[in-house]
Each structure stands twice: as C-alpha cells, then as structure tokens.
Amino acid sequence: MTQLNIVELAKQGDVGAIASLMNRHLQPKGIAAKVAFKDAYLEVILESTEVPNQQTLVAFVCKGLTKLGAMSVQKVKIYGQQNGKNFYAWIKDFDLGITEPDTDLEDNQQFSNNSQILTLSINLSGNIARELKTEDFENIANKIINDILYSCDDILIEKISISNENCVISKER
C-alpha cells in the first residue's frame, strides 16, 4: 500500500491507516499507537516502556489529526500507558470538530444558571498513601482526577487537587 493510499484511508477515518501513520513517527521513539473508534470517540492508546510524555504526545496527536482533516473524527480520547501496567498513567480527551456558537452559548448559560462550579481537594492519608512511590501516587491521582472529570458532566469542575504527605497533583480546566 502506498503512502498516498494510507493517507486517503486515514482521511476517511480508517483506524488501521491512522495507527499506521502515527506509528511511523512514534515507533522509532519506542512508542506504539493503537487506534479504535469507541463510544463516538477516536481512542488512541500510546504505550511505551516509560510513561509516555502527555504534553508532547497530546500535541502530536492533535496536530496530526487536525492536519489530516478526517471528517469522521470529531472527538478524541488519548491514553498514555506504560508497558505491563494494568492502568493508564494519563487520559486526555478533546474535540477536533468546530463547535457551533449557539451550542457554546447554551452550555455557558447552563453552567451560569446552575452555578455549580467546584474546586475539589482530596487528601489521601494512611500508611499506604504515605509509602507510595511518587510515580505510583501520580498515576493513581491522575486516574482519580480523570474519573471524576469524566463522570461529572453536569458540574463544572474548575480544579481538582489530590495530595498525600509527599506530593500534590492538580488539574485545572
């Protein structure tokens, strides 16, 4: 299959072609991309021997998919995972599509009418929380943060902070 055919297939939303294009750039860096459509999202799982760099790889995927212009890809969810781990180190989702202004206005009015804007702070305590390695604590905290953000669609959460005695992990919207 030629490069042109792969690009055309990727533009049509072919997950195999999208993964192939990503892997051409990522595999030399020791990162493997798996791509699938699930629940209206294009899901991209990035695996490496080390936890993949979230900032760099989210920018790479976003830029690549935007440049590709696949009309069938509107929402993207990216997972960063270290090989051999049973949980994701981080998750990032975003919309590629252009949102109509009326929809944005309705969403803003909904949040301003409900006035449900929260900042959450969670402190993990106890012997197990104190003894966690920093990397393990960061992975657990990021998983908790992402789970909260994804399950609270009707509440605008501005910031979540999770801490133990050694570390604080925060995420702001």
C-alpha atoms as a PDB file:
ATOM      1  CA  MET A   1       0.000   0.000   0.000  1.00  0.00           C
ATOM      2  CA  THR A   2       1.404   3.394  -0.976  1.00  0.00           C
ATOM      3  CA  GLN A   3       1.786   6.411   1.283  1.00  0.00           C
ATOM      4  CA  LEU A   4      -0.967   8.201  -0.659  1.00  0.00           C
ATOM      5  CA  ASN A   5      -3.402   5.310  -0.165  1.00  0.00           C
ATOM      6  CA  ILE A   6      -2.734   5.234   3.591  1.00  0.00           C
ATOM      7  CA  VAL A   7      -3.303   8.979   3.887  1.00  0.00           C
ATOM      8  CA  GLU A   8      -6.551   8.752   1.893  1.00  0.00           C
ATOM      9  CA  LEU A   9      -7.767   5.857   4.052  1.00  0.00           C
ATOM     10  CA  ALA A  10      -6.848   7.782   7.206  1.00  0.00           C
ATOM     11  CA  LYS A  11      -8.801  10.816   5.947  1.00  0.00           C
ATOM     12  CA  GLN A  12     -11.806   8.502   5.604  1.00  0.00           C
ATOM     13  CA  GLY A  13     -11.425   7.501   9.263  1.00  0.00           C
ATOM     14  CA  ASP A  14      -9.772   4.109   8.748  1.00  0.00           C
ATOM     15  CA  VAL A  15      -8.298   3.320  12.181  1.00  0.00           C
ATOM     16  CA  GLY A  16      -5.646   0.994  10.763  1.00  0.00           C
ATOM     17  CA  ALA A  17      -4.386   3.727   8.462  1.00  0.00           C
ATOM     18  CA  ILE A  18      -4.443   6.323  11.256  1.00  0.00           C
ATOM     19  CA  ALA A  19      -2.466   3.966  13.524  1.00  0.00           C
ATOM     20  CA  SER A  20      -0.005   3.250  10.707  1.00  0.00           C
ATOM     21  CA  LEU A  21       0.668   6.957  10.174  1.00  0.00           C
ATOM     22  CA  MET A  22       1.135   7.539  13.902  1.00  0.00           C
ATOM     23  CA  ASN A  23       3.383   4.514  14.337  1.00  0.00           C
ATOM     24  CA  ARG A  24       5.704   5.642  11.532  1.00  0.00           C
ATOM     25  CA  HIS A  25       6.660   8.593  13.718  1.00  0.00           C
ATOM     26  CA  LEU A  26       6.290   7.036  17.163  1.00  0.00           C
ATOM     27  CA  GLN A  27       7.837   3.553  16.864  1.00  0.00           C
ATOM     28  CA  PRO A  28      11.385   4.898  16.334  1.00  0.00           C
ATOM     29  CA  LYS A  29      10.893   6.625  19.716  1.00  0.00           C
ATOM     30  CA  GLY A  30       9.788   3.372  21.360  1.00  0.00           C
ATOM     31  CA  ILE A  31       6.074   4.255  21.444  1.00  0.00           C
ATOM     32  CA  ALA A  32       3.309   2.111  19.950  1.00  0.00           C
ATOM     33  CA  ALA A  33      -0.093   3.544  18.985  1.00  0.00           C
ATOM     34  CA  LYS A  34      -3.315   1.532  18.944  1.00  0.00           C
ATOM     35  CA  VAL A  35      -6.357   3.242  17.432  1.00  0.00           C
ATOM     36  CA  ALA A  36     -10.082   2.371  17.563  1.00  0.00           C
ATOM     37  CA  PHE A  37     -13.484   4.035  17.484  1.00  0.00           C
ATOM     38  CA  LYS A  38     -15.417   3.620  20.738  1.00  0.00           C
ATOM     39  CA  ASP A  39     -18.461   5.477  22.069  1.00  0.00           C
ATOM     40  CA  ALA A  40     -18.217   8.295  19.457  1.00  0.00           C
ATOM     41  CA  TYR A  41     -14.528   8.814  20.264  1.00  0.00           C
ATOM     42  CA  LEU A  42     -11.431   8.006  18.299  1.00  0.00           C
ATOM     43  CA  GLU A  43      -9.424   6.291  21.024  1.00  0.00           C
ATOM     44  CA  VAL A  44      -5.642   6.362  20.806  1.00  0.00           C
ATOM     45  CA  ILE A  45      -3.668   4.219  23.252  1.00  0.00           C
ATOM     46  CA  LEU A  46       0.016   5.117  23.412  1.00  0.00           C
ATOM     47  CA  GLU A  47       2.264   2.539  25.081  1.00  0.00           C
ATOM     48  CA  SER A  48       5.941   2.704  25.909  1.00  0.00           C
ATOM     49  CA  THR A  49       8.464   1.214  28.329  1.00  0.00           C
ATOM     50  CA  GLU A  50       8.295   4.533  30.229  1.00  0.00           C
ATOM     51  CA  VAL A  51       5.143   6.572  30.864  1.00  0.00           C
ATOM     52  CA  PRO A  52       4.615   8.457  27.576  1.00  0.00           C
ATOM     53  CA  ASN A  53       5.026  12.237  27.794  1.00  0.00           C
ATOM     54  CA  GLN A  54       1.469  13.585  27.910  1.00  0.00           C
ATOM     55  CA  GLN A  55       2.113  17.146  26.772  1.00  0.00           C
ATOM     56  CA  THR A  56       4.252  16.179  23.772  1.00  0.00           C
ATOM     57  CA  LEU A  57       2.066  13.302  22.603  1.00  0.00           C
ATOM     58  CA  VAL A  58      -1.274  15.072  23.004  1.00  0.00           C
ATOM     59  CA  ALA A  59       0.112  17.919  20.894  1.00  0.00           C
ATOM     60  CA  PHE A  60       1.437  15.409  18.314  1.00  0.00           C
ATOM     61  CA  VAL A  61      -1.908  13.578  18.017  1.00  0.00           C
ATOM     62  CA  CYS A  62      -3.981  16.769  17.962  1.00  0.00           C
ATOM     63  CA  LYS A  63      -1.796  18.400  15.304  1.00  0.00           C
ATOM     64  CA  GLY A  64      -1.673  15.246  13.180  1.00  0.00           C
ATOM     65  CA  LEU A  65      -5.421  14.609  13.286  1.00  0.00           C
ATOM     66  CA  THR A  66      -6.226  18.257  12.617  1.00  0.00           C
ATOM     67  CA  LYS A  67      -3.865  18.317   9.635  1.00  0.00           C
ATOM     68  CA  LEU A  68      -5.316  15.022   8.385  1.00  0.00           C
ATOM     69  CA  GLY A  69      -8.821  16.501   8.398  1.00  0.00           C
ATOM     70  CA  ALA A  70     -10.729  13.225   8.798  1.00  0.00           C
ATOM     71  CA  MET A  71     -14.358  14.332   8.850  1.00  0.00           C
ATOM     72  CA  SER A  72     -15.421  11.226  10.781  1.00  0.00           C
ATOM     73  CA  VAL A  73     -13.146  12.137  13.711  1.00  0.00           C
ATOM     74  CA  GLN A  74     -14.774  14.726  15.959  1.00  0.00           C
ATOM     75  CA  LYS A  75     -13.871  13.581  19.476  1.00  0.00           C
ATOM     76  CA  VAL A  76     -10.541  12.097  20.531  1.00  0.00           C
ATOM     77  CA  LYS A  77      -9.516  10.325  23.720  1.00  0.00           C
ATOM     78  CA  ILE A  78      -5.797   9.631  24.226  1.00  0.00           C
ATOM     79  CA  TYR A  79      -4.474   7.193  26.826  1.00  0.00           C
ATOM     80  CA  GLY A  80      -0.855   7.071  27.967  1.00  0.00           C
ATOM     81  CA  GLN A  81       0.240   3.732  29.353  1.00  0.00           C
ATOM     82  CA  GLN A  82       3.478   2.143  30.448  1.00  0.00           C
ATOM     83  CA  ASN A  83       4.003  -1.369  29.068  1.00  0.00           C
ATOM     84  CA  GLY A  84       2.979  -4.067  31.530  1.00  0.00           C
ATOM     85  CA  LYS A  85       0.789  -1.789  33.671  1.00  0.00           C
ATOM     86  CA  ASN A  86      -2.912  -2.510  34.142  1.00  0.00           C
ATOM     87  CA  PHE A  87      -3.916   1.154  34.351  1.00  0.00           C
ATOM     88  CA  TYR A  88      -3.416   4.275  32.283  1.00  0.00           C
ATOM     89  CA  ALA A  89      -0.923   6.829  33.525  1.00  0.00           C
ATOM     90  CA  TRP A  90      -2.962   9.625  31.981  1.00  0.00           C
ATOM     91  CA  ILE A  91      -6.018  10.257  29.808  1.00  0.00           C
ATOM     92  CA  LYS A  92      -6.786  13.316  27.691  1.00  0.00           C
ATOM     93  CA  ASP A  93      -9.860  13.938  25.577  1.00  0.00           C
ATOM     94  CA  PHE A  94     -10.734  16.803  23.264  1.00  0.00           C
ATOM     95  CA  ASP A  95     -12.969  17.791  20.372  1.00  0.00           C
ATOM     96  CA  LEU A  96     -11.494  18.217  16.908  1.00  0.00           C
ATOM     97  CA  GLY A  97     -14.720  19.482  15.340  1.00  0.00           C
ATOM     98  CA  ILE A  98     -15.756  23.101  15.199  1.00  0.00           C
ATOM     99  CA  THR A  99     -18.497  23.784  17.719  1.00  0.00           C
ATOM    100  CA  GLU A 100     -21.355  25.976  16.578  1.00  0.00           C
ATOM    101  CA  PRO A 101     -21.578  29.273  18.511  1.00  0.00           C
ATOM    102  CA  ASP A 102     -25.200  28.618  19.595  1.00  0.00           C
ATOM    103  CA  THR A 103     -24.140  25.404  21.349  1.00  0.00           C
ATOM    104  CA  ASP A 104     -21.389  27.216  23.236  1.00  0.00           C
ATOM    105  CA  LEU A 105     -23.833  29.905  24.341  1.00  0.00           C
ATOM    106  CA  GLU A 106     -26.316  27.312  25.616  1.00  0.00           C
ATOM    107  CA  ASP A 107     -23.583  25.469  27.519  1.00  0.00           C
ATOM    108  CA  ASN A 108     -22.334  28.678  29.147  1.00  0.00           C
ATOM    109  CA  GLN A 109     -25.880  29.655  30.143  1.00  0.00           C
ATOM    110  CA  GLN A 110     -26.478  26.199  31.613  1.00  0.00           C
ATOM    111  CA  PHE A 111     -23.409  26.478  33.842  1.00  0.00           C
ATOM    112  CA  SER A 112     -24.118  30.074  34.835  1.00  0.00           C
ATOM    113  CA  ASN A 113     -27.779  29.279  35.641  1.00  0.00           C
ATOM    114  CA  ASN A 114     -26.864  26.252  37.745  1.00  0.00           C
ATOM    115  CA  SER A 115     -23.878  27.981  39.427  1.00  0.00           C
ATOM    116  CA  GLN A 116     -22.235  24.618  40.061  1.00  0.00           C
ATOM    117  CA  ILE A 117     -18.566  25.481  39.716  1.00  0.00           C
ATOM    118  CA  LEU A 118     -16.380  23.472  42.062  1.00  0.00           C
ATOM    119  CA  THR A 119     -12.802  23.142  43.189  1.00  0.00           C
ATOM    120  CA  LEU A 120     -12.127  19.722  44.705  1.00  0.00           C
ATOM    121  CA  SER A 121      -9.322  18.885  47.118  1.00  0.00           C
ATOM    122  CA  ILE A 122      -8.704  15.306  48.174  1.00  0.00           C
ATOM    123  CA  ASN A 123      -6.111  14.218  50.726  1.00  0.00           C
ATOM    124  CA  LEU A 124      -5.052  10.575  50.696  1.00  0.00           C
ATOM    125  CA  SER A 125      -3.834   9.524  54.120  1.00  0.00           C
ATOM    126  CA  GLY A 126      -2.794   6.417  55.960  1.00  0.00           C
ATOM    127  CA  ASN A 127       0.265   4.189  55.823  1.00  0.00           C
ATOM    128  CA  ILE A 128      -0.316   3.026  52.243  1.00  0.00           C
ATOM    129  CA  ALA A 129      -0.707   6.588  50.907  1.00  0.00           C
ATOM    130  CA  ARG A 130       2.462   7.736  52.694  1.00  0.00           C
ATOM    131  CA  GLU A 131       4.510   4.785  51.454  1.00  0.00           C
ATOM    132  CA  LEU A 132       3.565   5.041  47.777  1.00  0.00           C
ATOM    133  CA  LYS A 133       6.356   5.802  45.365  1.00  0.00           C
ATOM    134  CA  THR A 134       5.908   9.232  43.784  1.00  0.00           C
ATOM    135  CA  GLU A 135       5.329   7.719  40.331  1.00  0.00           C
ATOM    136  CA  ASP A 136       2.636   5.355  41.647  1.00  0.00           C
ATOM    137  CA  PHE A 137       0.926   8.164  43.565  1.00  0.00           C
ATOM    138  CA  GLU A 138       0.937  10.363  40.437  1.00  0.00           C
ATOM    139  CA  ASN A 139      -0.602   7.541  38.375  1.00  0.00           C
ATOM    140  CA  ILE A 140      -3.331   6.889  40.966  1.00  0.00           C
ATOM    141  CA  ALA A 141      -4.058  10.605  41.431  1.00  0.00           C
ATOM    142  CA  ASN A 142      -4.302  11.197  37.675  1.00  0.00           C
ATOM    143  CA  LYS A 143      -6.666   8.235  37.317  1.00  0.00           C
ATOM    144  CA  ILE A 144      -8.910   9.563  40.119  1.00  0.00           C
ATOM    145  CA  ILE A 145      -8.888  13.063  38.605  1.00  0.00           C
ATOM    146  CA  ASN A 146      -9.785  11.788  35.139  1.00  0.00           C
ATOM    147  CA  ASP A 147     -12.544   9.541  36.504  1.00  0.00           C
ATOM    148  CA  ILE A 148     -14.077  12.488  38.380  1.00  0.00           C
ATOM    149  CA  LEU A 149     -13.896  14.814  35.388  1.00  0.00           C
ATOM    150  CA  TYR A 150     -15.471  12.260  33.029  1.00  0.00           C
ATOM    151  CA  SER A 151     -18.304  11.331  35.383  1.00  0.00           C
ATOM    152  CA  CYS A 152     -19.350  14.888  36.318  1.00  0.00           C
ATOM    153  CA  ASP A 153     -20.781  16.275  33.085  1.00  0.00           C
ATOM    154  CA  ASP A 154     -23.426  18.426  34.785  1.00  0.00           C
ATOM    155  CA  ILE A 155     -20.988  20.196  37.137  1.00  0.00           C
ATOM    156  CA  LEU A 156     -18.194  22.495  36.015  1.00  0.00           C
ATOM    157  CA  ILE A 157     -15.161  21.436  37.996  1.00  0.00           C
ATOM    158  CA  GLU A 158     -12.583  24.175  37.805  1.00  0.00           C
ATOM    159  CA  LYS A 159      -9.748  22.439  39.657  1.00  0.00           C
ATOM    160  CA  ILE A 160      -9.021  19.115  41.340  1.00  0.00           C
ATOM    161  CA  SER A 161      -6.101  18.578  43.696  1.00  0.00           C
ATOM    162  CA  ILE A 162      -5.117  15.262  45.229  1.00  0.00           C
ATOM    163  CA  SER A 163      -2.388  15.100  47.834  1.00  0.00           C
ATOM    164  CA  ASN A 164      -0.605  12.844  50.247  1.00  0.00           C
ATOM    165  CA  GLU A 165       2.093  13.896  52.685  1.00  0.00           C
ATOM    166  CA  ASN A 166       4.741  13.955  49.933  1.00  0.00           C
ATOM    167  CA  CYS A 167       3.102  15.224  46.765  1.00  0.00           C
ATOM    168  CA  VAL A 168       0.216  17.246  45.285  1.00  0.00           C
ATOM    169  CA  ILE A 169      -1.267  16.516  41.845  1.00  0.00           C
ATOM    170  CA  SER A 170      -3.571  19.187  40.381  1.00  0.00           C
ATOM    171  CA  LYS A 171      -5.512  19.617  37.177  1.00  0.00           C
ATOM    172  CA  GLU A 172      -7.294  22.782  36.109  1.00  0.00           C
ATOM    173  CA  ARG A 173      -9.772  23.291  33.290  1.00  0.00           C
END
